[in-house]
Amino acid sequence: MSKRGRPKKQTGVEVVVNTTKFERHYTNEDGSVQIWKFDLKKNPNGPYETIIEYPKGTKTFEQLQSELPKTKRKYLNPKNNKYVNYLRAKQLGIVK
C-alpha cells in the first residue's frame, strides 16, 4: 500500500532537471576519451554526435603495419575489401 500525504523533504539529494541537451564523457583503458552528445529534440533514441580523442603518440593501423616484416603484415584484398595474410595475398597476386 502506498503512503499517503505529502512526502518528507530529503536533505542532501541532488535534484535532476529534465534537459534536452547533455553530454556524456567516457574514458577507456587505453587513454582515449569518448564524448557522446545528446539532443533529445533531434534524436530521442541516441546521440547525434560522437567524438573520440586519442592520446598523443597513438599509431594508426597503417603505421603499425609498416613496422612489421613483410610476412607478418595484413594486405587488403580489393575484390571484397577484407584483409588477408601474406600467403593468401601472394596467391591472389597482391604481393609479388
Protein backbone atom coordinates (compact mmCIF):
# COMPACT_ATOMS: atom_id res chain seq x y z
CA MET A 1 0.00 0.00 0.00
CA SER A 2 1.31 3.45 -0.85
CA LYS A 3 1.97 6.11 1.76
CA ARG A 4 -0.47 8.95 1.91
CA GLY A 5 0.14 12.63 2.35
CA ARG A 6 2.98 14.95 1.41
CA PRO A 7 6.41 13.27 1.08
CA LYS A 8 9.10 14.25 3.58
CA LYS A 9 11.80 16.68 2.46
CA GLN A 10 15.05 14.91 1.72
CA THR A 11 18.30 16.66 2.53
CA GLY A 12 21.47 16.11 0.52
CA VAL A 13 19.63 14.82 -2.55
CA GLU A 14 20.61 16.22 -5.91
CA VAL A 15 17.71 17.49 -7.99
CA VAL A 16 17.85 16.39 -11.62
CA VAL A 17 16.30 18.76 -14.14
CA ASN A 18 14.99 17.25 -17.34
CA THR A 19 17.12 18.75 -20.08
CA THR A 20 17.08 18.01 -23.76
CA LYS A 21 20.79 18.68 -24.39
CA PHE A 22 23.58 16.94 -22.50
CA GLU A 23 26.96 15.21 -22.93
CA ARG A 24 28.47 12.02 -21.55
CA HIS A 25 32.23 11.52 -21.24
CA TYR A 26 33.78 8.04 -21.20
CA THR A 27 37.46 7.26 -20.59
CA ASN A 28 38.83 3.95 -21.91
CA GLU A 29 41.71 1.83 -20.60
CA ASP A 30 43.99 2.89 -23.46
CA GLY A 31 43.65 6.57 -22.54
CA SER A 32 41.19 7.56 -25.27
CA VAL A 33 38.20 9.73 -24.39
CA GLN A 34 34.76 9.41 -25.98
CA ILE A 35 32.30 12.30 -25.88
CA TRP A 36 28.69 11.47 -26.70
CA LYS A 37 26.46 14.49 -27.41
CA PHE A 38 22.71 14.09 -26.98
CA ASP A 39 19.86 16.32 -28.09
CA LEU A 40 16.52 14.66 -27.45
CA LYS A 41 14.73 17.02 -29.84
CA LYS A 42 16.99 15.95 -32.75
CA ASN A 43 17.22 12.24 -31.94
CA PRO A 44 15.31 10.81 -28.97
CA ASN A 45 16.89 7.35 -29.35
CA GLY A 46 20.61 8.09 -29.06
CA PRO A 47 23.48 10.53 -29.55
CA TYR A 48 23.60 12.80 -32.58
CA GLU A 49 27.40 13.15 -32.43
CA THR A 50 30.29 11.15 -31.01
CA ILE A 51 33.84 12.45 -30.68
CA ILE A 52 36.81 10.16 -29.97
CA GLU A 53 40.06 11.75 -28.79
CA TYR A 54 43.17 9.57 -28.79
CA PRO A 55 46.28 10.28 -26.68
CA LYS A 56 49.38 11.66 -28.37
CA GLY A 57 51.68 9.06 -29.88
CA THR A 58 48.91 6.66 -30.87
CA LYS A 59 49.79 4.92 -34.14
CA THR A 60 47.36 4.16 -36.93
CA PHE A 61 46.87 0.72 -38.46
CA GLU A 62 48.97 1.68 -41.50
CA GLN A 63 51.86 2.86 -39.30
CA LEU A 64 51.81 -0.37 -37.30
CA GLN A 65 51.76 -2.46 -40.49
CA SER A 66 54.71 -0.60 -42.00
CA GLU A 67 56.83 -1.52 -38.96
CA LEU A 68 56.13 -5.27 -39.32
CA PRO A 69 58.09 -7.61 -41.59
CA LYS A 70 56.51 -8.41 -44.95
CA THR A 71 55.30 -11.87 -43.89
CA LYS A 72 53.50 -10.59 -40.76
CA ARG A 73 51.54 -7.77 -42.41
CA LYS A 74 47.89 -7.78 -43.45
CA TYR A 75 47.05 -6.93 -47.06
CA LEU A 76 43.79 -5.56 -48.41
CA ASN A 77 42.00 -7.77 -50.92
CA PRO A 78 40.46 -5.34 -53.47
CA LYS A 79 37.73 -7.79 -54.54
CA ASN A 80 35.98 -8.00 -51.17
CA ASN A 81 37.73 -5.24 -49.14
CA LYS A 82 38.89 -7.66 -46.45
CA TYR A 83 42.37 -8.08 -45.02
CA VAL A 84 44.29 -11.26 -45.81
CA ASN A 85 47.63 -12.60 -44.59
CA TYR A 86 50.85 -12.72 -46.60
CA LEU A 87 50.43 -16.23 -48.05
CA ARG A 88 46.90 -15.59 -49.31
CA ALA A 89 47.94 -12.20 -50.72
CA LYS A 90 50.74 -13.93 -52.61
CA GLN A 91 48.29 -16.50 -54.01
CA LEU A 92 45.94 -13.71 -55.15
CA GLY A 93 48.79 -11.79 -56.77
CA ILE A 94 48.58 -8.78 -54.46
CA VAL A 95 52.18 -9.29 -53.29
CA LYS A 96 54.97 -10.26 -55.66
